[in-house]
Amino acid sequence: MPKIGTVTLNGATAVIEATTTVTAAGRSFLTVQAPGGTLVGVGCVSARTPGTSYGVEGVACDTSPVAR
């Protein structure tokens, strides 16, 4: 069973999520849990470092919690 948690967008930069399970070709599914700040987009995976971490980023002023 995959592990599900949340990250909270900070409205400025990518939020880095440390995990050894990320791969270069893996897929990450993100879902906004509750709108926060100025919600005008959807969070996205902004970078991946296989075996180490990935970044989740939204638009400026978006501070929504996002399930990942």
PDB file of N, CA and C in Angstrom:
ATOM      1  N   MET A   1       0.843  -1.172   0.000  1.00  0.00           N
ATOM      2  CA  MET A   1       0.000   0.000   0.000  1.00  0.00           C
ATOM      3  C   MET A   1       0.888   1.234   0.000  1.00  0.00           C
ATOM      4  N   PRO A   2       0.692   2.151  -0.932  1.00  0.00           N
ATOM      5  CA  PRO A   2       1.487   3.381  -0.960  1.00  0.00           C
ATOM      6  C   PRO A   2       1.242   4.223   0.286  1.00  0.00           C
ATOM      7  N   LYS A   3       2.236   4.962   0.664  1.00  0.00           N
ATOM      8  CA  LYS A   3       2.135   5.850   1.814  1.00  0.00           C
ATOM      9  C   LYS A   3       1.628   7.215   1.343  1.00  0.00           C
ATOM     10  N   ILE A   4       0.631   7.761   2.059  1.00  0.00           N
ATOM     11  CA  ILE A   4       0.066   9.055   1.707  1.00  0.00           C
ATOM     12  C   ILE A   4       0.262  10.004   2.876  1.00  0.00           C
ATOM     13  N   GLY A   5       0.645  11.219   2.571  1.00  0.00           N
ATOM     14  CA  GLY A   5       0.831  12.250   3.581  1.00  0.00           C
ATOM     15  C   GLY A   5       0.459  13.586   2.982  1.00  0.00           C
ATOM     16  N   THR A   6       0.846  14.671   3.645  1.00  0.00           N
ATOM     17  CA  THR A   6       0.562  15.994   3.109  1.00  0.00           C
ATOM     18  C   THR A   6       1.790  16.886   3.199  1.00  0.00           C
ATOM     19  N   VAL A   7       1.832  17.859   2.328  1.00  0.00           N
ATOM     20  CA  VAL A   7       2.794  18.956   2.396  1.00  0.00           C
ATOM     21  C   VAL A   7       1.967  20.227   2.293  1.00  0.00           C
ATOM     22  N   THR A   8       2.463  21.320   2.834  1.00  0.00           N
ATOM     23  CA  THR A   8       1.758  22.594   2.743  1.00  0.00           C
ATOM     24  C   THR A   8       2.570  23.548   1.878  1.00  0.00           C
ATOM     25  N   LEU A   9       1.962  24.004   0.801  1.00  0.00           N
ATOM     26  CA  LEU A   9       2.629  24.955  -0.082  1.00  0.00           C
ATOM     27  C   LEU A   9       2.926  26.222   0.696  1.00  0.00           C
ATOM     28  N   ASN A  10       4.043  26.881   0.374  1.00  0.00           N
ATOM     29  CA  ASN A  10       4.412  28.096   1.114  1.00  0.00           C
ATOM     30  C   ASN A  10       4.198  29.380   0.313  1.00  0.00           C
ATOM     31  N   GLY A  11       3.692  29.278  -0.893  1.00  0.00           N
ATOM     32  CA  GLY A  11       3.391  30.461  -1.684  1.00  0.00           C
ATOM     33  C   GLY A  11       4.598  31.152  -2.279  1.00  0.00           C
ATOM     34  N   ALA A  12       5.775  30.562  -2.128  1.00  0.00           N
ATOM     35  CA  ALA A  12       6.984  31.232  -2.617  1.00  0.00           C
ATOM     36  C   ALA A  12       7.923  30.285  -3.347  1.00  0.00           C
ATOM     37  N   THR A  13       8.309  29.189  -2.724  1.00  0.00           N
ATOM     38  CA  THR A  13       9.302  28.279  -3.295  1.00  0.00           C
ATOM     39  C   THR A  13       8.806  26.845  -3.208  1.00  0.00           C
ATOM     40  N   ALA A  14       9.523  25.956  -3.866  1.00  0.00           N
ATOM     41  CA  ALA A  14       9.178  24.540  -3.791  1.00  0.00           C
ATOM     42  C   ALA A  14       9.359  24.032  -2.367  1.00  0.00           C
ATOM     43  N   VAL A  15       8.443  23.172  -1.931  1.00  0.00           N
ATOM     44  CA  VAL A  15       8.558  22.492  -0.643  1.00  0.00           C
ATOM     45  C   VAL A  15       9.196  21.145  -0.939  1.00  0.00           C
ATOM     46  N   ILE A  16      10.337  20.872  -0.332  1.00  0.00           N
ATOM     47  CA  ILE A  16      11.076  19.636  -0.602  1.00  0.00           C
ATOM     48  C   ILE A  16      10.599  18.535   0.326  1.00  0.00           C
ATOM     49  N   GLU A  17      10.233  17.418  -0.258  1.00  0.00           N
ATOM     50  CA  GLU A  17       9.755  16.245   0.475  1.00  0.00           C
ATOM     51  C   GLU A  17      10.826  15.164   0.378  1.00  0.00           C
ATOM     52  N   ALA A  18      11.454  14.849   1.507  1.00  0.00           N
ATOM     53  CA  ALA A  18      12.497  13.821   1.527  1.00  0.00           C
ATOM     54  C   ALA A  18      11.857  12.442   1.534  1.00  0.00           C
ATOM     55  N   THR A  19      12.297  11.579   0.629  1.00  0.00           N
ATOM     56  CA  THR A  19      11.823  10.203   0.567  1.00  0.00           C
ATOM     57  C   THR A  19      12.780   9.367  -0.272  1.00  0.00           C
ATOM     58  N   THR A  20      13.032   8.167   0.166  1.00  0.00           N
ATOM     59  CA  THR A  20      13.919   7.279  -0.595  1.00  0.00           C
ATOM     60  C   THR A  20      13.165   6.535  -1.690  1.00  0.00           C
ATOM     61  N   THR A  21      11.843   6.687  -1.766  1.00  0.00           N
ATOM     62  CA  THR A  21      11.060   5.926  -2.733  1.00  0.00           C
ATOM     63  C   THR A  21      10.864   6.624  -4.077  1.00  0.00           C
ATOM     64  N   VAL A  22      11.294   7.883  -4.193  1.00  0.00           N
ATOM     65  CA  VAL A  22      11.106   8.600  -5.452  1.00  0.00           C
ATOM     66  C   VAL A  22      12.075   8.069  -6.514  1.00  0.00           C
ATOM     67  N   THR A  23      11.560   7.951  -7.743  1.00  0.00           N
ATOM     68  CA  THR A  23      12.391   7.515  -8.863  1.00  0.00           C
ATOM     69  C   THR A  23      12.311   8.557  -9.973  1.00  0.00           C
ATOM     70  N   ALA A  24      13.205   8.473 -10.920  1.00  0.00           N
ATOM     71  CA  ALA A  24      13.238   9.443 -12.022  1.00  0.00           C
ATOM     72  C   ALA A  24      11.976   9.372 -12.873  1.00  0.00           C
ATOM     73  N   ALA A  25      11.404   8.191 -13.030  1.00  0.00           N
ATOM     74  CA  ALA A  25      10.218   8.025 -13.877  1.00  0.00           C
ATOM     75  C   ALA A  25       8.948   7.804 -13.066  1.00  0.00           C
ATOM     76  N   GLY A  26       9.024   7.867 -11.729  1.00  0.00           N
ATOM     77  CA  GLY A  26       7.864   7.627 -10.878  1.00  0.00           C
ATOM     78  C   GLY A  26       6.813   8.717 -11.022  1.00  0.00           C
ATOM     79  N   ARG A  27       5.607   8.387 -10.614  1.00  0.00           N
ATOM     80  CA  ARG A  27       4.512   9.353 -10.679  1.00  0.00           C
ATOM     81  C   ARG A  27       4.103   9.756  -9.277  1.00  0.00           C
ATOM     82  N   SER A  28       3.796  11.016  -9.110  1.00  0.00           N
ATOM     83  CA  SER A  28       3.321  11.549  -7.841  1.00  0.00           C
ATOM     84  C   SER A  28       1.951  12.155  -8.089  1.00  0.00           C
ATOM     85  N   PHE A  29       0.998  11.770  -7.272  1.00  0.00           N
ATOM     86  CA  PHE A  29      -0.363  12.279  -7.402  1.00  0.00           C
ATOM     87  C   PHE A  29      -0.599  13.295  -6.292  1.00  0.00           C
ATOM     88  N   LEU A  30      -0.979  14.503  -6.665  1.00  0.00           N
ATOM     89  CA  LEU A  30      -1.176  15.594  -5.713  1.00  0.00           C
ATOM     90  C   LEU A  30      -2.625  16.050  -5.762  1.00  0.00           C
ATOM     91  N   THR A  31      -3.213  16.306  -4.594  1.00  0.00           N
ATOM     92  CA  THR A  31      -4.593  16.769  -4.495  1.00  0.00           C
ATOM     93  C   THR A  31      -4.682  17.840  -3.432  1.00  0.00           C
ATOM     94  N   VAL A  32      -5.197  19.019  -3.772  1.00  0.00           N
ATOM     95  CA  VAL A  32      -5.386  20.091  -2.794  1.00  0.00           C
ATOM     96  C   VAL A  32      -6.415  19.614  -1.772  1.00  0.00           C
ATOM     97  N   GLN A  33      -6.084  19.735  -0.489  1.00  0.00           N
ATOM     98  CA  GLN A  33      -6.964  19.281   0.580  1.00  0.00           C
ATOM     99  C   GLN A  33      -7.898  20.378   1.073  1.00  0.00           C
ATOM    100  N   ALA A  34      -7.443  21.602   1.074  1.00  0.00           N
ATOM    101  CA  ALA A  34      -8.243  22.759   1.479  1.00  0.00           C
ATOM    102  C   ALA A  34      -7.589  23.992   0.884  1.00  0.00           C
ATOM    103  N   PRO A  35      -8.342  24.825   0.174  1.00  0.00           N
ATOM    104  CA  PRO A  35      -7.735  26.017  -0.420  1.00  0.00           C
ATOM    105  C   PRO A  35      -7.089  26.908   0.640  1.00  0.00           C
ATOM    106  N   GLY A  36      -5.921  27.438   0.316  1.00  0.00           N
ATOM    107  CA  GLY A  36      -5.226  28.338   1.225  1.00  0.00           C
ATOM    108  C   GLY A  36      -4.612  29.494   0.467  1.00  0.00           C
ATOM    109  N   GLY A  37      -4.637  30.683   1.047  1.00  0.00           N
ATOM    110  CA  GLY A  37      -4.061  31.846   0.370  1.00  0.00           C
ATOM    111  C   GLY A  37      -4.846  32.164  -0.883  1.00  0.00           C
ATOM    112  N   THR A  38      -4.153  32.553  -1.934  1.00  0.00           N
ATOM    113  CA  THR A  38      -4.775  32.859  -3.216  1.00  0.00           C
ATOM    114  C   THR A  38      -4.622  31.645  -4.107  1.00  0.00           C
ATOM    115  N   LEU A  39      -5.640  30.840  -4.163  1.00  0.00           N
ATOM    116  CA  LEU A  39      -5.593  29.602  -4.929  1.00  0.00           C
ATOM    117  C   LEU A  39      -5.921  29.886  -6.383  1.00  0.00           C
ATOM    118  N   VAL A  40      -4.925  29.801  -7.262  1.00  0.00           N
ATOM    119  CA  VAL A  40      -5.156  30.053  -8.683  1.00  0.00           C
ATOM    120  C   VAL A  40      -4.573  28.948  -9.549  1.00  0.00           C
ATOM    121  N   GLY A  41      -4.096  27.905  -8.957  1.00  0.00           N
ATOM    122  CA  GLY A  41      -3.501  26.824  -9.726  1.00  0.00           C
ATOM    123  C   GLY A  41      -3.494  25.540  -8.921  1.00  0.00           C
ATOM    124  N   VAL A  42      -2.737  24.603  -9.384  1.00  0.00           N
ATOM    125  CA  VAL A  42      -2.626  23.313  -8.732  1.00  0.00           C
ATOM    126  C   VAL A  42      -1.156  23.054  -8.454  1.00  0.00           C
ATOM    127  N   GLY A  43      -0.858  22.488  -7.289  1.00  0.00           N
ATOM    128  CA  GLY A  43       0.525  22.130  -6.987  1.00  0.00           C
ATOM    129  C   GLY A  43       1.061  21.131  -7.996  1.00  0.00           C
ATOM    130  N   CYS A  44       2.357  21.184  -8.227  1.00  0.00           N
ATOM    131  CA  CYS A  44       2.965  20.250  -9.172  1.00  0.00           C
ATOM    132  C   CYS A  44       4.325  19.798  -8.646  1.00  0.00           C
ATOM    133  N   VAL A  45       4.793  18.674  -9.138  1.00  0.00           N
ATOM    134  CA  VAL A  45       6.133  18.204  -8.802  1.00  0.00           C
ATOM    135  C   VAL A  45       7.105  19.046  -9.612  1.00  0.00           C
ATOM    136  N   SER A  46       7.988  19.769  -8.917  1.00  0.00           N
ATOM    137  CA  SER A  46       8.879  20.697  -9.612  1.00  0.00           C
ATOM    138  C   SER A  46      10.269  20.128  -9.857  1.00  0.00           C
ATOM    139  N   ALA A  47      10.643  19.095  -9.125  1.00  0.00           N
ATOM    140  CA  ALA A  47      11.969  18.498  -9.302  1.00  0.00           C
ATOM    141  C   ALA A  47      11.984  17.126  -8.649  1.00  0.00           C
ATOM    142  N   ARG A  48      12.814  16.243  -9.155  1.00  0.00           N
ATOM    143  CA  ARG A  48      12.989  14.914  -8.556  1.00  0.00           C
ATOM    144  C   ARG A  48      14.479  14.619  -8.425  1.00  0.00           C
ATOM    145  N   THR A  49      14.861  14.071  -7.286  1.00  0.00           N
ATOM    146  CA  THR A  49      16.200  13.543  -7.094  1.00  0.00           C
ATOM    147  C   THR A  49      16.006  12.089  -6.687  1.00  0.00           C
ATOM    148  N   PRO A  50      16.184  11.142  -7.631  1.00  0.00           N
ATOM    149  CA  PRO A  50      15.905   9.739  -7.345  1.00  0.00           C
ATOM    150  C   PRO A  50      16.572   9.247  -6.052  1.00  0.00           C
ATOM    151  N   GLY A  51      15.770   8.551  -5.231  1.00  0.00           N
ATOM    152  CA  GLY A  51      16.266   7.984  -3.992  1.00  0.00           C
ATOM    153  C   GLY A  51      16.471   8.981  -2.872  1.00  0.00           C
ATOM    154  N   THR A  52      16.162  10.269  -3.110  1.00  0.00           N
ATOM    155  CA  THR A  52      16.437  11.303  -2.120  1.00  0.00           C
ATOM    156  C   THR A  52      15.224  12.171  -1.797  1.00  0.00           C
ATOM    157  N   SER A  53      14.658  12.858  -2.817  1.00  0.00           N
ATOM    158  CA  SER A  53      13.577  13.807  -2.544  1.00  0.00           C
ATOM    159  C   SER A  53      12.901  14.251  -3.836  1.00  0.00           C
ATOM    160  N   TYR A  54      11.799  14.966  -3.651  1.00  0.00           N
ATOM    161  CA  TYR A  54      11.159  15.666  -4.758  1.00  0.00           C
ATOM    162  C   TYR A  54      10.584  16.969  -4.221  1.00  0.00           C
ATOM    163  N   GLY A  55      10.351  17.922  -5.118  1.00  0.00           N
ATOM    164  CA  GLY A  55       9.802  19.213  -4.726  1.00  0.00           C
ATOM    165  C   GLY A  55       8.361  19.335  -5.172  1.00  0.00           C
ATOM    166  N   VAL A  56       7.551  19.996  -4.354  1.00  0.00           N
ATOM    167  CA  VAL A  56       6.165  20.290  -4.707  1.00  0.00           C
ATOM    168  C   VAL A  56       6.032  21.805  -4.693  1.00  0.00           C
ATOM    169  N   GLU A  57       5.494  22.355  -5.774  1.00  0.00           N
ATOM    170  CA  GLU A  57       5.436  23.805  -5.895  1.00  0.00           C
ATOM    171  C   GLU A  57       4.067  24.237  -6.406  1.00  0.00           C
ATOM    172  N   GLY A  58       3.583  25.365  -5.899  1.00  0.00           N
ATOM    173  CA  GLY A  58       2.344  25.958  -6.360  1.00  0.00           C
ATOM    174  C   GLY A  58       2.633  27.324  -6.941  1.00  0.00           C
ATOM    175  N   VAL A  59       1.612  28.121  -7.045  1.00  0.00           N
ATOM    176  CA  VAL A  59       1.770  29.481  -7.561  1.00  0.00           C
ATOM    177  C   VAL A  59       1.981  30.449  -6.401  1.00  0.00           C
ATOM    178  N   ALA A  60       2.402  31.677  -6.710  1.00  0.00           N
ATOM    179  CA  ALA A  60       2.631  32.692  -5.686  1.00  0.00           C
ATOM    180  C   ALA A  60       1.385  32.862  -4.833  1.00  0.00           C
ATOM    181  N   CYS A  61       1.577  32.945  -3.529  1.00  0.00           N
ATOM    182  CA  CYS A  61       0.530  33.189  -2.531  1.00  0.00           C
ATOM    183  C   CYS A  61      -0.333  31.964  -2.233  1.00  0.00           C
ATOM    184  N   ASP A  62      -0.110  30.820  -2.869  1.00  0.00           N
ATOM    185  CA  ASP A  62      -0.883  29.611  -2.583  1.00  0.00           C
ATOM    186  C   ASP A  62      -0.265  28.904  -1.381  1.00  0.00           C
ATOM    187  N   THR A  63      -1.023  28.761  -0.315  1.00  0.00           N
ATOM    188  CA  THR A  63      -0.541  28.111   0.906  1.00  0.00           C
ATOM    189  C   THR A  63      -1.418  26.897   1.249  1.00  0.00           C
ATOM    190  N   SER A  64      -1.934  26.231   0.239  1.00  0.00           N
ATOM    191  CA  SER A  64      -2.829  25.092   0.441  1.00  0.00           C
ATOM    192  C   SER A  64      -2.091  23.860   0.927  1.00  0.00           C
ATOM    193  N   PRO A  65      -2.718  23.072   1.825  1.00  0.00           N
ATOM    194  CA  PRO A  65      -2.177  21.743   2.115  1.00  0.00           C
ATOM    195  C   PRO A  65      -2.497  20.820   0.942  1.00  0.00           C
ATOM    196  N   VAL A  66      -1.528  19.995   0.560  1.00  0.00           N
ATOM    197  CA  VAL A  66      -1.676  19.124  -0.600  1.00  0.00           C
ATOM    198  C   VAL A  66      -1.361  17.688  -0.185  1.00  0.00           C
ATOM    199  N   ALA A  67      -2.285  16.768  -0.484  1.00  0.00           N
ATOM    200  CA  ALA A  67      -2.021  15.344  -0.245  1.00  0.00           C
ATOM    201  C   ALA A  67      -1.050  14.870  -1.290  1.00  0.00           C
ATOM    202  N   ARG A  68      -0.129  14.032  -0.877  1.00  0.00           N
ATOM    203  CA  ARG A  68       0.858  13.496  -1.797  1.00  0.00           C
ATOM    204  C   ARG A  68       1.063  12.025  -1.520  1.00  0.00           C
TER     205      ARG A  68
END
